[in-house]
Amino acid sequence: MNENADIGRGKAVALGVALALLLSLIYAWFDGGEEPVRPITQPVELPEQAR
């Protein structure tokens, strides 16, 4: 095998991994993982006031 072919294959794999990572980051940036804000609707128990 030619050593230059191995170096080229390694660069191609590294480029593919970098491209996949970049695409994942771009998707995460646009998706954001945010949910719409909604009010909390549950009762909260408060201690009685001291007299």
PDB file of N, CA and C in Angstrom:
ATOM      1  N   MET A   1       0.818  -1.180   0.000  1.00  0.00           N
ATOM      2  CA  MET A   1       0.000   0.000   0.000  1.00  0.00           C
ATOM      3  C   MET A   1       0.865   1.248   0.000  1.00  0.00           C
ATOM      4  N   ASN A   2       0.324   2.271  -0.527  1.00  0.00           N
ATOM      5  CA  ASN A   2       1.033   3.535  -0.611  1.00  0.00           C
ATOM      6  C   ASN A   2       0.827   4.326   0.679  1.00  0.00           C
ATOM      7  N   GLU A   3       1.910   4.865   1.263  1.00  0.00           N
ATOM      8  CA  GLU A   3       1.797   5.625   2.511  1.00  0.00           C
ATOM      9  C   GLU A   3       0.989   6.900   2.309  1.00  0.00           C
ATOM     10  N   ASN A   4       1.073   7.492   1.143  1.00  0.00           N
ATOM     11  CA  ASN A   4       0.313   8.712   0.878  1.00  0.00           C
ATOM     12  C   ASN A   4      -1.190   8.437   0.890  1.00  0.00           C
ATOM     13  N   ALA A   5      -1.583   7.256   0.477  1.00  0.00           N
ATOM     14  CA  ALA A   5      -3.006   6.900   0.492  1.00  0.00           C
ATOM     15  C   ALA A   5      -3.498   6.786   1.927  1.00  0.00           C
ATOM     16  N   ASP A   6      -2.679   6.255   2.830  1.00  0.00           N
ATOM     17  CA  ASP A   6      -3.065   6.151   4.241  1.00  0.00           C
ATOM     18  C   ASP A   6      -3.222   7.526   4.872  1.00  0.00           C
ATOM     19  N   ILE A   7      -2.335   8.439   4.557  1.00  0.00           N
ATOM     20  CA  ILE A   7      -2.426   9.797   5.092  1.00  0.00           C
ATOM     21  C   ILE A   7      -3.691  10.467   4.566  1.00  0.00           C
ATOM     22  N   GLY A   8      -3.999  10.283   3.305  1.00  0.00           N
ATOM     23  CA  GLY A   8      -5.200  10.871   2.726  1.00  0.00           C
ATOM     24  C   GLY A   8      -6.456  10.284   3.337  1.00  0.00           C
ATOM     25  N   ARG A   9      -6.455   8.991   3.595  1.00  0.00           N
ATOM     26  CA  ARG A   9      -7.612   8.335   4.201  1.00  0.00           C
ATOM     27  C   ARG A   9      -7.819   8.845   5.622  1.00  0.00           C
ATOM     28  N   GLY A  10      -6.737   9.036   6.368  1.00  0.00           N
ATOM     29  CA  GLY A  10      -6.822   9.566   7.731  1.00  0.00           C
ATOM     30  C   GLY A  10      -7.384  10.977   7.745  1.00  0.00           C
ATOM     31  N   LYS A  11      -6.950  11.789   6.796  1.00  0.00           N
ATOM     32  CA  LYS A  11      -7.469  13.155   6.703  1.00  0.00           C
ATOM     33  C   LYS A  11      -8.942  13.145   6.336  1.00  0.00           C
ATOM     34  N   ALA A  12      -9.337  12.220   5.468  1.00  0.00           N
ATOM     35  CA  ALA A  12     -10.741  12.128   5.068  1.00  0.00           C
ATOM     36  C   ALA A  12     -11.612  11.711   6.250  1.00  0.00           C
ATOM     37  N   VAL A  13     -11.131  10.782   7.050  1.00  0.00           N
ATOM     38  CA  VAL A  13     -11.880  10.349   8.234  1.00  0.00           C
ATOM     39  C   VAL A  13     -11.978  11.495   9.223  1.00  0.00           C
ATOM     40  N   ALA A  14     -10.874  12.199   9.454  1.00  0.00           N
ATOM     41  CA  ALA A  14     -10.883  13.332  10.379  1.00  0.00           C
ATOM     42  C   ALA A  14     -11.826  14.427   9.881  1.00  0.00           C
ATOM     43  N   LEU A  15     -11.832  14.669   8.592  1.00  0.00           N
ATOM     44  CA  LEU A  15     -12.725  15.668   8.020  1.00  0.00           C
ATOM     45  C   LEU A  15     -14.179  15.234   8.189  1.00  0.00           C
ATOM     46  N   GLY A  16     -14.466  13.965   7.979  1.00  0.00           N
ATOM     47  CA  GLY A  16     -15.823  13.451   8.162  1.00  0.00           C
ATOM     48  C   GLY A  16     -16.296  13.581   9.603  1.00  0.00           C
ATOM     49  N   VAL A  17     -15.424  13.263  10.554  1.00  0.00           N
ATOM     50  CA  VAL A  17     -15.775  13.389  11.972  1.00  0.00           C
ATOM     51  C   VAL A  17     -15.996  14.854  12.325  1.00  0.00           C
ATOM     52  N   ALA A  18     -15.122  15.740  11.837  1.00  0.00           N
ATOM     53  CA  ALA A  18     -15.273  17.167  12.111  1.00  0.00           C
ATOM     54  C   ALA A  18     -16.568  17.705  11.503  1.00  0.00           C
ATOM     55  N   LEU A  19     -16.908  17.260  10.319  1.00  0.00           N
ATOM     56  CA  LEU A  19     -18.136  17.704   9.667  1.00  0.00           C
ATOM     57  C   LEU A  19     -19.363  17.210  10.434  1.00  0.00           C
ATOM     58  N   ALA A  20     -19.334  15.958  10.893  1.00  0.00           N
ATOM     59  CA  ALA A  20     -20.451  15.421  11.676  1.00  0.00           C
ATOM     60  C   ALA A  20     -20.613  16.193  12.984  1.00  0.00           C
ATOM     61  N   LEU A  21     -19.516  16.529  13.631  1.00  0.00           N
ATOM     62  CA  LEU A  21     -19.564  17.307  14.860  1.00  0.00           C
ATOM     63  C   LEU A  21     -20.113  18.700  14.597  1.00  0.00           C
ATOM     64  N   LEU A  22     -19.679  19.317  13.526  1.00  0.00           N
ATOM     65  CA  LEU A  22     -20.158  20.654  13.170  1.00  0.00           C
ATOM     66  C   LEU A  22     -21.653  20.635  12.891  1.00  0.00           C
ATOM     67  N   LEU A  23     -22.122  19.642  12.156  1.00  0.00           N
ATOM     68  CA  LEU A  23     -23.551  19.537  11.865  1.00  0.00           C
ATOM     69  C   LEU A  23     -24.363  19.311  13.141  1.00  0.00           C
ATOM     70  N   SER A  24     -23.828  18.514  14.057  1.00  0.00           N
ATOM     71  CA  SER A  24     -24.507  18.274  15.333  1.00  0.00           C
ATOM     72  C   SER A  24     -24.603  19.568  16.139  1.00  0.00           C
ATOM     73  N   LEU A  25     -23.531  20.348  16.159  1.00  0.00           N
ATOM     74  CA  LEU A  25     -23.542  21.611  16.886  1.00  0.00           C
ATOM     75  C   LEU A  25     -24.506  22.612  16.266  1.00  0.00           C
ATOM     76  N   ILE A  26     -24.563  22.656  14.945  1.00  0.00           N
ATOM     77  CA  ILE A  26     -25.492  23.568  14.267  1.00  0.00           C
ATOM     78  C   ILE A  26     -26.929  23.166  14.574  1.00  0.00           C
ATOM     79  N   TYR A  27     -27.226  21.880  14.551  1.00  0.00           N
ATOM     80  CA  TYR A  27     -28.575  21.413  14.877  1.00  0.00           C
ATOM     81  C   TYR A  27     -28.932  21.767  16.317  1.00  0.00           C
ATOM     82  N   ALA A  28     -28.003  21.544  17.250  1.00  0.00           N
ATOM     83  CA  ALA A  28     -28.257  21.851  18.655  1.00  0.00           C
ATOM     84  C   ALA A  28     -28.468  23.353  18.846  1.00  0.00           C
ATOM     85  N   TRP A  29     -27.741  24.173  18.085  1.00  0.00           N
ATOM     86  CA  TRP A  29     -27.872  25.628  18.193  1.00  0.00           C
ATOM     87  C   TRP A  29     -29.282  26.062  17.770  1.00  0.00           C
ATOM     88  N   PHE A  30     -29.770  25.550  16.661  1.00  0.00           N
ATOM     89  CA  PHE A  30     -31.088  25.957  16.169  1.00  0.00           C
ATOM     90  C   PHE A  30     -32.214  25.332  16.980  1.00  0.00           C
ATOM     91  N   ASP A  31     -32.044  24.092  17.424  1.00  0.00           N
ATOM     92  CA  ASP A  31     -33.079  23.425  18.215  1.00  0.00           C
ATOM     93  C   ASP A  31     -33.172  24.073  19.587  1.00  0.00           C
ATOM     94  N   GLY A  32     -32.057  24.301  20.203  1.00  0.00           N
ATOM     95  CA  GLY A  32     -31.986  25.012  21.463  1.00  0.00           C
ATOM     96  C   GLY A  32     -32.506  24.236  22.661  1.00  0.00           C
ATOM     97  N   GLY A  33     -33.336  23.247  22.464  1.00  0.00           N
ATOM     98  CA  GLY A  33     -33.856  22.467  23.564  1.00  0.00           C
ATOM     99  C   GLY A  33     -34.778  23.248  24.484  1.00  0.00           C
ATOM    100  N   GLU A  34     -35.245  24.387  24.047  1.00  0.00           N
ATOM    101  CA  GLU A  34     -36.104  25.207  24.899  1.00  0.00           C
ATOM    102  C   GLU A  34     -37.551  24.771  24.788  1.00  0.00           C
ATOM    103  N   GLU A  35     -38.253  24.900  25.900  1.00  0.00           N
ATOM    104  CA  GLU A  35     -39.682  24.622  25.937  1.00  0.00           C
ATOM    105  C   GLU A  35     -40.400  25.922  26.264  1.00  0.00           C
ATOM    106  N   PRO A  36     -41.644  26.044  25.849  1.00  0.00           N
ATOM    107  CA  PRO A  36     -42.375  27.256  26.171  1.00  0.00           C
ATOM    108  C   PRO A  36     -42.549  27.405  27.687  1.00  0.00           C
ATOM    109  N   VAL A  37     -42.521  28.656  28.157  1.00  0.00           N
ATOM    110  CA  VAL A  37     -42.682  28.933  29.575  1.00  0.00           C
ATOM    111  C   VAL A  37     -44.151  28.753  29.937  1.00  0.00           C
ATOM    112  N   ARG A  38     -44.400  28.029  31.017  1.00  0.00           N
ATOM    113  CA  ARG A  38     -45.770  27.847  31.485  1.00  0.00           C
ATOM    114  C   ARG A  38     -45.779  28.032  33.002  1.00  0.00           C
ATOM    115  N   PRO A  39     -46.886  28.511  33.539  1.00  0.00           N
ATOM    116  CA  PRO A  39     -46.933  28.766  34.981  1.00  0.00           C
ATOM    117  C   PRO A  39     -46.931  27.465  35.790  1.00  0.00           C
ATOM    118  N   ILE A  40     -46.391  27.563  36.995  1.00  0.00           N
ATOM    119  CA  ILE A  40     -46.395  26.416  37.897  1.00  0.00           C
ATOM    120  C   ILE A  40     -47.744  26.417  38.602  1.00  0.00           C
ATOM    121  N   THR A  41     -48.489  25.367  38.469  1.00  0.00           N
ATOM    122  CA  THR A  41     -49.821  25.304  39.064  1.00  0.00           C
ATOM    123  C   THR A  41     -49.908  24.125  40.020  1.00  0.00           C
ATOM    124  N   GLN A  42     -49.309  24.302  41.198  1.00  0.00           N
ATOM    125  CA  GLN A  42     -49.407  23.288  42.222  1.00  0.00           C
ATOM    126  C   GLN A  42     -49.478  23.994  43.573  1.00  0.00           C
ATOM    127  N   PRO A  43     -50.226  23.434  44.501  1.00  0.00           N
ATOM    128  CA  PRO A  43     -50.344  24.074  45.814  1.00  0.00           C
ATOM    129  C   PRO A  43     -49.031  23.979  46.593  1.00  0.00           C
ATOM    130  N   VAL A  44     -48.768  25.012  47.374  1.00  0.00           N
ATOM    131  CA  VAL A  44     -47.574  25.039  48.212  1.00  0.00           C
ATOM    132  C   VAL A  44     -48.018  25.186  49.657  1.00  0.00           C
ATOM    133  N   GLU A  45     -47.548  24.308  50.522  1.00  0.00           N
ATOM    134  CA  GLU A  45     -47.914  24.368  51.921  1.00  0.00           C
ATOM    135  C   GLU A  45     -46.982  25.342  52.635  1.00  0.00           C
ATOM    136  N   LEU A  46     -47.587  26.296  53.355  1.00  0.00           N
ATOM    137  CA  LEU A  46     -46.813  27.286  54.105  1.00  0.00           C
ATOM    138  C   LEU A  46     -47.011  27.030  55.594  1.00  0.00           C
ATOM    139  N   PRO A  47     -45.960  27.255  56.394  1.00  0.00           N
ATOM    140  CA  PRO A  47     -46.124  27.082  57.837  1.00  0.00           C
ATOM    141  C   PRO A  47     -47.024  28.189  58.392  1.00  0.00           C
ATOM    142  N   GLU A  48     -47.716  27.868  59.483  1.00  0.00           N
ATOM    143  CA  GLU A  48     -48.578  28.872  60.099  1.00  0.00           C
ATOM    144  C   GLU A  48     -47.726  29.970  60.716  1.00  0.00           C
ATOM    145  N   GLN A  49     -48.293  31.169  60.769  1.00  0.00           N
ATOM    146  CA  GLN A  49     -47.577  32.311  61.332  1.00  0.00           C
ATOM    147  C   GLN A  49     -47.540  32.210  62.847  1.00  0.00           C
ATOM    148  N   ALA A  50     -46.410  32.579  63.464  1.00  0.00           N
ATOM    149  CA  ALA A  50     -46.296  32.586  64.931  1.00  0.00           C
ATOM    150  C   ALA A  50     -47.138  33.711  65.511  1.00  0.00           C
ATOM    151  N   ARG A  51     -47.779  33.442  66.665  1.00  0.00           N
ATOM    152  CA  ARG A  51     -48.642  34.478  67.272  1.00  0.00           C
ATOM    153  C   ARG A  51     -48.020  34.999  68.516  1.00  0.00           C
TER     154      ARG A  51
END
